[in-house]
């Protein structure tokens, strides 16, 4: 009924026709228990493994891989027996459903004949594959036999060489034994005595050579010492001459310093513009400690930027921005000298009626500011390093500088007062001397100052020359 209804499977259809198609399940091989032992292999086992077992195992693995690939291809046809015959071959089902029982039996007999034929064919294929496998095993065994035979030949050669070496060694041992026989001992004793005499002679020779070399080394050192003493005396004489030349050159350098290297009496960077507008211009001098305010008149027609040289100047006002309570004395002195110059010029508006004269005014003020700034640097230098010149103390009183000198070598102590002005250092400085210890007075100071030319670092050169001429030796 299932066959007529079309719900019969392929496997049931074969059973109906009495055609049995057995499908064998794969069988898995397992290693014998003797192969899994933990005992260390013997040399014989290693040879069997290298030349017999491993090559055979490699061939079997290749054959198993080929069979596994073929089995994987055939596995997809196993499930066909569980599928409906209508879905697998509908035309066959339509033909067979109309057949009688006798026709079905006849068709089943034909199928059994075909199954028998394919079974025999598969056995033939399996036999051929086994023949191929055995031929590969035979070829591998022959190759391994050749390798083993060549290795045996090499080992035989090594054994022969070892035997020849042993024979030669035995011959050498016999010769050495004969050499050191009883008759050879007197010669050995004589040889030992000769060696002892040779060593004694060598020690004597070494001692003689060592003493001679030591004596020669002492002579060489004495000569070198004499040469060094001679060179030392020559170098001392040359150093004395160089010191004298240095002293004379330094005097000439200080005397003609102004002639060779004239100081920068003015600098165009002594002023800075802090404001420039239609109404006024503001300039700063000396690190923003002096401020100049220039008030302009009404602008001229056509002067877009207010820089027409003919534009009038209404007023010029100077103002000190220095905090005299906090500033050092040298800065206060410089400020006084600059304003001394400003006040000595009278009415600045008359000297600078228009913008045309403003650059000259800035130039004149910059000239004085530059000179006074250098004076301030000289005073700061003497305050810090005055001890090198026997300058004990320095005081500033208004525009006067009081220098207190003291020297134990010259047994002298006196105070020199210099009166400074805005035209420093272009003119000589008036001075007074107050003697406290010793006999240095105005006459000696006047003689020294007469040799100091005016110019750059005038104050420092005065102090240096007083130290050099009056305070270096007793008077």
Protein backbone atom coordinates (compact mmCIF):
# COMPACT_ATOMS: atom_id res chain seq x y z
CA UNK A 1 0.00 0.00 0.00
CA UNK A 2 2.88 2.38 0.82
CA UNK A 3 4.38 1.61 -2.58
CA UNK A 4 1.10 2.44 -4.32
CA UNK A 5 0.66 5.63 -2.27
CA UNK A 6 4.19 6.84 -3.08
CA UNK A 7 5.40 7.03 0.55
CA UNK A 8 7.83 4.10 0.31
CA UNK A 9 11.55 4.86 0.82
CA UNK A 10 14.38 3.62 -1.38
CA UNK A 11 15.53 1.14 1.32
CA UNK A 12 12.01 -0.26 1.71
CA UNK A 13 11.72 -0.55 -2.07
CA UNK A 14 14.93 -2.67 -2.14
CA UNK A 15 13.58 -4.86 0.69
CA UNK A 16 10.34 -5.28 -1.27
CA UNK A 17 12.39 -6.52 -4.23
CA UNK A 18 14.52 -8.69 -1.86
CA UNK A 19 17.69 -6.77 -2.76
CA UNK A 20 19.94 -6.35 0.30
CA UNK A 21 22.59 -3.58 0.14
CA UNK A 22 24.66 -3.78 3.38
CA UNK A 23 26.68 -0.69 4.27
CA UNK A 24 29.69 -1.44 6.43
CA UNK A 25 30.59 0.94 9.24
CA UNK A 26 34.23 2.07 9.54
CA UNK A 27 36.47 0.13 11.91
CA UNK A 28 39.09 2.04 13.90
CA UNK A 29 42.50 0.51 14.52
CA UNK A 30 44.24 0.74 17.88
CA UNK A 31 47.89 0.40 18.77
CA UNK A 32 48.82 -2.77 20.65
CA UNK A 33 49.62 -2.46 24.34
CA UNK A 34 53.31 -3.25 23.73
CA UNK A 35 53.77 -0.06 21.68
CA UNK A 36 52.69 2.24 24.51
CA UNK A 37 55.40 1.11 26.95
CA UNK A 38 57.57 3.65 28.76
CA UNK A 39 60.81 1.63 28.66
CA UNK A 40 63.68 3.39 26.85
CA UNK A 41 64.30 2.04 23.33
CA UNK A 42 67.38 -0.03 22.58
CA UNK A 43 69.73 0.75 19.65
CA UNK A 44 68.13 -2.11 17.76
CA UNK A 45 64.67 -0.59 18.30
CA UNK A 46 65.93 2.76 17.01
CA UNK A 47 67.29 1.15 13.84
CA UNK A 48 63.99 -0.69 13.25
CA UNK A 49 62.08 2.55 13.81
CA UNK A 50 64.27 4.59 11.45
CA UNK A 51 64.58 2.17 8.55
CA UNK A 52 61.42 -0.02 8.75
CA UNK A 53 58.57 1.29 10.90
CA UNK A 54 58.67 5.00 10.04
CA UNK A 55 58.83 4.55 6.22
CA UNK A 56 55.98 1.97 6.36
CA UNK A 57 53.94 4.26 8.61
CA UNK A 58 54.38 7.18 6.21
CA UNK A 59 53.09 5.06 3.25
CA UNK A 60 50.14 3.74 5.28
CA UNK A 61 49.24 7.30 6.29
CA UNK A 62 49.20 8.44 2.66
CA UNK A 63 46.97 5.45 1.72
CA UNK A 64 44.62 6.16 4.64
CA UNK A 65 44.30 9.78 3.58
CA UNK A 66 43.31 8.69 0.03
CA UNK A 67 40.72 6.20 1.38
CA UNK A 68 39.34 8.79 3.81
CA UNK A 69 38.86 11.21 0.93
CA UNK A 70 37.00 8.54 -1.08
CA UNK A 71 34.80 7.64 1.91
CA UNK A 72 33.91 11.29 2.44
CA UNK A 73 32.76 11.47 -1.19
CA UNK A 74 30.55 8.33 -0.79
CA UNK A 75 29.00 9.39 2.53
CA UNK A 76 26.61 11.74 0.77
CA UNK A 77 24.86 8.71 -0.85
CA UNK A 78 24.13 6.89 2.44
CA UNK A 79 21.09 8.99 3.27
CA UNK A 80 19.44 8.22 -0.11
CA UNK A 81 18.01 4.95 1.33
CA UNK A 82 15.97 6.98 3.84
CA UNK A 83 14.50 9.28 1.17
CA UNK A 84 11.19 8.68 -0.66
CA UNK A 85 11.47 6.87 -3.95
CA UNK A 86 9.17 9.46 -5.53
CA UNK A 87 11.66 12.21 -4.68
CA UNK A 88 14.69 10.23 -5.81
CA UNK A 89 13.38 8.76 -9.10
CA UNK A 90 9.75 9.60 -9.81
CA UNK A 91 9.73 8.09 -13.30
CA UNK A 92 10.87 4.70 -11.90
CA UNK A 93 8.13 4.78 -9.26
CA UNK A 94 5.46 5.59 -11.85
CA UNK A 95 6.57 2.64 -14.04
CA UNK A 96 6.98 0.14 -11.19
CA UNK A 97 3.62 0.89 -9.54
CA UNK A 98 1.84 -0.53 -12.59
CA UNK A 99 3.91 -3.77 -12.62
CA UNK A 100 2.62 -7.11 -11.40
CA UNK A 101 4.22 -9.18 -8.66
CA UNK A 102 5.97 -11.42 -11.19
CA UNK A 103 7.43 -8.41 -12.94
CA UNK A 104 8.62 -7.01 -9.62
CA UNK A 105 10.36 -10.30 -8.76
CA UNK A 106 11.99 -10.38 -12.19
CA UNK A 107 13.19 -6.76 -11.71
CA UNK A 108 14.55 -7.67 -8.24
CA UNK A 109 16.46 -10.62 -9.70
CA UNK A 110 18.08 -8.32 -12.24
CA UNK A 111 19.04 -5.90 -9.50
CA UNK A 112 20.66 -8.72 -7.49
CA UNK A 113 22.70 -9.68 -10.54
CA UNK A 114 23.84 -6.07 -10.90
CA UNK A 115 24.69 -5.94 -7.16
CA UNK A 116 26.75 -9.12 -7.52
CA UNK A 117 28.60 -7.64 -10.48
CA UNK A 118 29.40 -4.40 -8.65
CA UNK A 119 30.53 -6.35 -5.56
CA UNK A 120 33.02 -8.31 -7.65
CA UNK A 121 34.15 -5.11 -9.36
CA UNK A 122 34.76 -3.44 -5.99
CA UNK A 123 36.83 -6.43 -4.83
CA UNK A 124 38.94 -6.17 -7.97
CA UNK A 125 39.50 -2.45 -7.31
CA UNK A 126 40.42 -3.16 -3.70
CA UNK A 127 42.86 -5.87 -4.84
CA UNK A 128 44.50 -3.44 -7.28
CA UNK A 129 44.82 -0.79 -4.59
CA UNK A 130 46.45 -3.33 -2.26
CA UNK A 131 48.88 -4.27 -5.04
CA UNK A 132 49.78 -0.59 -5.46
CA UNK A 133 50.22 -0.22 -1.69
CA UNK A 134 52.46 -3.29 -1.47
CA UNK A 135 54.57 -2.09 -4.40
CA UNK A 136 55.10 1.24 -2.59
CA UNK A 137 56.07 -0.63 0.59
CA UNK A 138 58.49 -2.80 -1.39
CA UNK A 139 60.08 0.23 -3.06
CA UNK A 140 60.42 2.01 0.29
CA UNK A 141 61.97 -1.08 1.88
CA UNK A 142 64.50 -1.29 -0.95
CA UNK A 143 65.42 2.41 -0.56
CA UNK A 144 65.86 2.06 3.19
CA UNK A 145 67.91 -1.10 2.67
CA UNK A 146 70.26 0.86 0.38
CA UNK A 147 70.61 3.65 2.95
CA UNK A 148 71.27 1.16 5.74
CA UNK A 149 73.82 -0.68 3.61
CA UNK A 150 75.73 2.57 2.86
CA UNK A 151 75.71 3.45 6.54
CA UNK A 152 77.02 -0.01 7.45
CA UNK A 153 79.85 0.46 4.95
CA UNK A 154 80.79 3.82 6.48
CA UNK A 155 80.77 2.31 9.96
CA UNK A 156 83.01 -0.52 8.73
CA UNK A 157 85.47 2.01 7.34
CA UNK A 158 85.50 3.90 10.65
CA UNK A 159 86.10 0.65 12.53
CA UNK A 160 89.02 -0.20 10.25
CA UNK A 161 90.56 3.25 10.83
CA UNK A 162 90.09 2.87 14.58
CA UNK A 163 91.80 -0.54 14.51
CA UNK A 164 94.75 0.88 12.55
CA UNK A 165 95.03 3.75 15.07
CA UNK A 166 95.03 1.27 17.94
CA UNK A 167 97.80 -0.75 16.28
CA UNK A 168 99.90 2.40 15.77
CA UNK A 169 99.29 3.50 19.36
CA UNK A 170 100.38 0.10 20.63
CA UNK A 171 103.59 0.36 18.59
CA UNK A 172 104.33 3.82 20.02
CA UNK A 173 103.68 2.59 23.55
CA UNK A 174 106.09 -0.30 23.04
CA UNK A 175 108.77 2.09 21.70
CA UNK A 176 108.39 4.44 24.67
CA UNK A 177 108.64 1.52 27.08
CA UNK A 178 111.84 0.37 25.39
CA UNK A 179 113.26 3.93 25.49
CA UNK A 180 112.78 4.23 29.23
CA UNK A 181 114.40 0.91 30.03
CA UNK A 182 117.04 0.42 32.71
CA UNK A 183 119.97 1.30 30.42
CA UNK A 184 118.54 4.79 29.73
CA UNK A 185 118.46 6.10 33.35
CA UNK A 186 122.12 7.41 33.48
CA UNK A 187 121.44 9.58 30.47
CA UNK A 188 118.37 11.01 32.17
CA UNK A 189 120.34 11.86 35.31
CA UNK A 190 122.99 13.67 33.27
CA UNK A 191 120.27 15.55 31.39
CA UNK A 192 118.70 16.73 34.67
CA UNK A 193 122.07 18.05 35.93
CA UNK A 194 122.65 19.93 32.67
CA UNK A 195 119.21 21.52 32.96
CA UNK A 196 119.96 22.65 36.53
CA UNK A 197 123.27 24.25 35.41
CA UNK A 198 121.51 25.99 32.52
CA UNK A 199 118.87 27.47 34.86
CA UNK A 200 121.57 28.74 37.25
CA UNK A 201 123.44 30.43 34.38
CA UNK A 202 120.20 32.03 33.18
CA UNK A 203 119.48 33.45 36.65
CA UNK A 204 122.98 34.92 36.86
CA UNK A 205 122.66 36.47 33.41
CA UNK A 206 119.27 37.99 34.27
CA UNK A 207 120.66 39.50 37.49
CA UNK A 208 123.62 41.00 35.59
CA UNK A 209 121.41 42.48 32.88
CA UNK A 210 118.96 43.85 35.47
CA UNK A 211 121.72 45.64 37.38
CA UNK A 212 123.17 47.11 34.18
CA UNK A 213 119.81 48.34 32.98
CA UNK A 214 119.09 49.89 36.38
CA UNK A 215 122.38 51.78 36.28
CA UNK A 216 121.73 53.01 32.73
CA UNK A 217 118.23 54.15 33.76
CA UNK A 218 119.64 56.16 36.68
CA UNK A 219 122.13 57.88 34.36
CA UNK A 220 119.34 58.70 31.92
CA UNK A 221 117.15 60.15 34.69
CA UNK A 222 120.01 62.34 35.96
CA UNK A 223 120.53 63.78 32.49
CA UNK A 224 116.81 64.44 32.07
CA UNK A 225 116.68 66.16 35.48
CA UNK A 226 119.57 68.46 34.53
CA UNK A 227 117.86 69.33 31.24
CA UNK A 228 114.59 70.08 33.05
CA UNK A 229 116.32 72.36 35.55
CA UNK A 230 117.98 74.27 32.71
CA UNK A 231 114.66 74.63 30.88
CA UNK A 232 112.96 75.73 34.11
CA UNK A 233 115.50 78.53 34.62
CA UNK A 234 115.04 79.67 31.03
CA UNK A 235 111.24 79.66 31.39
CA UNK A 236 111.43 81.68 34.63
CA UNK A 237 113.58 84.29 32.91
CA UNK A 238 111.16 84.44 29.97
CA UNK A 239 108.19 84.76 32.36
CA UNK A 240 109.82 87.71 34.11
CA UNK A 241 110.41 89.40 30.78
CA UNK A 242 106.81 88.76 29.71
CA UNK A 243 105.49 90.17 32.99
CA UNK A 244 107.49 93.36 32.45
CA UNK A 245 106.17 93.62 28.89
CA UNK A 246 102.63 93.00 30.12
CA UNK A 247 102.93 95.78 32.68
CA UNK A 248 104.22 98.28 30.14
CA UNK A 249 101.59 97.25 27.56
CA UNK A 250 98.82 97.62 30.12
CA UNK A 251 99.98 101.15 30.95
CA UNK A 252 100.06 102.06 27.26
CA UNK A 253 96.64 100.48 26.74
CA UNK A 254 95.08 102.46 29.58
CA UNK A 255 96.76 105.66 28.40
CA UNK A 256 95.69 105.41 24.78
CA UNK A 257 92.43 103.50 25.23
CA UNK A 258 90.35 106.48 24.24
CA UNK A 259 92.46 107.17 21.16
CA UNK A 260 92.27 103.61 19.81
CA UNK A 261 88.77 102.65 20.96
CA UNK A 262 86.62 105.78 21.34
CA UNK A 263 83.63 105.20 23.62
CA UNK A 264 80.06 105.30 22.37
CA UNK A 265 79.35 108.83 23.58
CA UNK A 266 75.77 108.63 22.47
CA UNK A 267 73.41 105.96 21.32
CA UNK A 268 70.24 106.37 19.38
CA UNK A 269 68.69 103.67 21.57
CA UNK A 270 68.89 105.79 24.73
CA UNK A 271 65.31 106.98 24.17
CA UNK A 272 62.10 105.10 23.43
CA UNK A 273 58.74 106.37 22.20
CA UNK A 274 55.96 105.30 24.55
CA UNK A 275 53.21 107.50 23.07
CA UNK A 276 52.67 109.44 19.84
CA UNK A 277 49.32 111.06 19.18
CA UNK A 278 47.94 114.21 17.57
CA UNK A 279 48.31 116.13 20.83
CA UNK A 280 51.65 114.95 22.26
CA UNK A 281 54.61 112.57 22.14
CA UNK A 282 56.12 110.84 25.19
CA UNK A 283 59.75 109.63 25.32
CA UNK A 284 61.49 107.58 28.04
CA UNK A 285 65.20 107.58 28.91
CA UNK A 286 67.47 105.49 31.12
CA UNK A 287 65.34 102.39 31.80
CA UNK A 288 62.09 104.43 31.99
CA UNK A 289 63.40 106.57 34.86
CA UNK A 290 63.14 109.89 32.95
CA UNK A 291 60.11 110.93 30.93
CA UNK A 292 59.98 113.69 28.30
CA UNK A 293 56.55 114.93 27.25
CA UNK A 294 56.37 117.01 24.06
CA UNK A 295 53.07 118.86 23.54
CA UNK A 296 52.29 119.71 19.89
CA UNK A 297 50.51 122.72 18.49
CA UNK A 298 47.50 122.53 16.14
CA UNK A 299 48.06 120.29 13.09
CA UNK A 300 48.91 121.80 9.72
CA UNK A 301 46.53 121.35 6.81
CA UNK A 302 47.41 118.33 4.71
CA UNK A 303 49.52 116.72 7.47
CA UNK A 304 47.72 113.38 7.81
CA UNK A 305 50.10 111.79 10.31
CA UNK A 306 51.02 114.93 12.27
CA UNK A 307 54.73 114.69 11.41
CA UNK A 308 55.25 117.87 9.42
CA UNK A 309 58.65 119.36 10.49
CA UNK A 310 57.14 122.84 10.59
CA UNK A 311 54.52 121.87 13.17
CA UNK A 312 54.94 123.91 16.34
CA UNK A 313 55.83 122.53 19.76
CA UNK A 314 54.01 124.15 22.65
CA UNK A 315 56.07 122.74 25.54
CA UNK A 316 58.72 120.18 26.57
CA UNK A 317 58.46 118.83 30.12
CA UNK A 318 60.98 116.52 31.85
CA UNK A 319 59.92 114.36 34.78
CA UNK A 320 61.88 111.97 36.99
CA UNK A 321 60.19 108.60 37.58
CA UNK A 322 62.97 107.27 39.84
CA UNK A 323 62.10 106.23 43.40
CA UNK A 324 65.08 107.79 45.19
CA UNK A 325 64.28 106.03 48.47
CA UNK A 326 64.51 102.57 46.88
CA UNK A 327 67.10 103.26 44.16
CA UNK A 328 70.85 102.71 44.81
CA UNK A 329 73.04 105.81 45.37
CA UNK A 330 74.72 105.45 41.98
CA UNK A 331 71.35 105.69 40.18
CA UNK A 332 70.41 108.79 42.19
CA UNK A 333 73.75 110.40 41.27
CA UNK A 334 73.21 109.70 37.57
CA UNK A 335 69.69 111.16 37.81
CA UNK A 336 71.00 114.37 39.44
CA UNK A 337 73.68 114.86 36.80
CA UNK A 338 71.20 114.42 33.95
CA UNK A 339 68.74 116.92 35.43
CA UNK A 340 71.68 119.23 36.14
CA UNK A 341 72.32 119.27 32.40
CA UNK A 342 68.60 119.71 31.60
CA UNK A 343 68.29 122.69 33.94
CA UNK A 344 71.49 124.27 32.64
CA UNK A 345 70.05 124.50 29.12
CA UNK A 346 67.35 126.99 30.09
CA UNK A 347 64.09 127.00 28.15
CA UNK A 348 63.86 123.90 25.99
CA UNK A 349 60.86 125.26 24.08
CA UNK A 350 63.10 127.98 22.65
CA UNK A 351 65.67 125.39 21.53
CA UNK A 352 62.96 123.25 19.97
CA UNK A 353 60.16 125.44 18.59
CA UNK A 354 59.09 122.94 15.87
CA UNK A 355 59.31 119.23 15.13
CA UNK A 356 62.29 119.95 12.90
CA UNK A 357 64.52 120.48 15.99
CA UNK A 358 63.20 117.52 18.02
CA UNK A 359 65.77 114.96 16.70
CA UNK A 360 68.65 117.24 17.76
CA UNK A 361 67.16 117.61 21.25
CA UNK A 362 66.83 113.83 21.58
CA UNK A 363 70.42 113.50 20.38
CA UNK A 364 71.77 115.99 22.97
CA UNK A 365 69.88 114.34 25.82
CA UNK A 366 70.95 110.85 24.68
CA UNK A 367 74.58 112.00 24.68
CA UNK A 368 74.40 113.05 28.34
CA UNK A 369 72.35 110.00 29.36
CA UNK A 370 74.88 107.65 27.74
CA UNK A 371 77.83 109.30 29.54
CA UNK A 372 76.09 109.32 32.91
CA UNK A 373 74.95 105.71 32.51
CA UNK A 374 78.58 104.64 31.98
CA UNK A 375 79.51 106.61 35.12
CA UNK A 376 76.87 104.70 37.10
CA UNK A 377 78.29 101.39 35.85
CA UNK A 378 81.80 102.49 36.93
CA UNK A 379 80.56 103.33 40.44
CA UNK A 380 78.79 99.97 40.74
CA UNK A 381 81.99 98.22 39.62
CA UNK A 382 84.08 100.02 42.25
CA UNK A 383 81.51 99.30 44.97
CA UNK A 384 81.76 95.59 44.18
CA UNK A 385 85.46 95.19 43.34
CA UNK A 386 87.03 98.21 45.06
CA UNK A 387 88.89 95.97 47.51
CA UNK A 388 91.25 94.97 44.71
CA UNK A 389 92.40 98.60 44.49
CA UNK A 390 92.71 99.17 48.29
CA UNK A 391 89.42 101.12 48.13
CA UNK A 392 88.02 100.71 51.61
CA UNK A 393 84.78 102.68 51.28
CA UNK A 394 82.81 104.77 48.79
CA UNK A 395 80.19 107.41 49.66
CA UNK A 396 78.03 109.63 47.43
CA UNK A 397 77.01 113.10 48.60
CA UNK A 398 74.83 114.94 46.09
CA UNK A 399 77.16 115.06 43.03
CA UNK A 400 80.35 114.30 44.95
CA UNK A 401 82.01 110.88 45.28
CA UNK A 402 84.15 110.21 48.36
CA UNK A 403 86.75 107.46 48.01
CA UNK A 404 88.46 106.15 51.16
CA UNK A 405 91.77 104.38 50.39
CA UNK A 406 93.70 102.31 52.91
CA UNK A 407 96.92 100.29 52.46
CA UNK A 408 99.01 98.61 55.13
CA UNK A 409 101.83 98.10 52.62
CA UNK A 410 102.14 101.84 51.94
CA UNK A 411 101.12 102.70 55.54
CA UNK A 412 98.62 105.21 54.22
CA UNK A 413 94.95 106.07 54.62
CA UNK A 414 93.30 109.05 52.96
CA UNK A 415 89.96 110.20 51.54
CA UNK A 416 89.69 111.55 47.99
CA UNK A 417 86.59 113.62 47.11
CA UNK A 418 85.77 114.08 43.41
CA UNK A 419 83.19 116.61 42.18
CA UNK A 420 81.22 115.27 39.22
CA UNK A 421 79.31 117.20 36.57
CA UNK A 422 77.10 116.45 33.57
CA UNK A 423 80.05 116.91 31.19
CA UNK A 424 81.82 113.82 32.66
CA UNK A 425 84.18 112.35 31.38
CA UNK A 426 85.25 115.04 28.92
CA UNK A 427 86.92 117.32 31.53
CA UNK A 428 89.20 116.75 34.51
CA UNK A 429 87.50 116.39 37.89
CA UNK A 430 88.06 118.85 40.76
CA UNK A 431 89.19 117.06 43.91
CA UNK A 432 90.13 117.45 47.55
CA UNK A 433 92.24 115.14 49.74
CA UNK A 434 91.92 114.51 53.47
CA UNK A 435 94.92 112.64 54.85
CA UNK A 436 94.35 110.38 57.86
CA UNK A 437 97.44 108.15 58.05
CA UNK A 438 100.74 108.52 56.21
CA UNK A 439 102.10 111.31 54.07
CA UNK A 440 99.96 111.09 50.90
CA UNK A 441 98.36 114.47 50.19
CA UNK A 442 97.08 116.68 47.38
CA UNK A 443 100.50 116.98 45.79
CA UNK A 444 100.89 113.22 45.34
CA UNK A 445 97.29 112.80 44.15
CA UNK A 446 97.63 115.70 41.71
CA UNK A 447 100.77 114.13 40.23
CA UNK A 448 98.92 110.87 39.65
CA UNK A 449 95.77 112.48 38.19
CA UNK A 450 97.88 114.51 35.77
CA UNK A 451 98.83 111.21 34.07
CA UNK A 452 95.20 110.05 33.67
CA UNK A 453 93.67 111.28 30.39
CA UNK A 454 89.96 112.07 30.27
CA UNK A 455 87.64 109.74 28.43
CA UNK A 456 86.03 106.36 28.77
CA UNK A 457 86.17 104.79 32.29
CA UNK A 458 87.84 107.91 33.64
CA UNK A 459 86.90 107.20 37.27
CA UNK A 460 88.05 103.57 37.15
CA UNK A 461 91.39 104.54 35.65
CA UNK A 462 91.91 107.17 38.38
CA UNK A 463 91.35 104.55 41.10
CA UNK A 464 93.56 101.98 39.32
CA UNK A 465 96.48 104.39 38.87
CA UNK A 466 96.31 105.59 42.50
CA UNK A 467 96.41 101.95 43.62
CA UNK A 468 99.32 101.18 41.31
CA UNK A 469 101.52 104.25 41.97
CA UNK A 470 100.81 105.12 45.62
CA UNK A 471 99.59 102.00 47.47
CA UNK A 472 101.88 99.18 46.31
CA UNK A 473 105.07 100.08 48.22
CA UNK A 474 106.01 101.85 51.47
CA UNK A 475 106.30 105.63 51.25
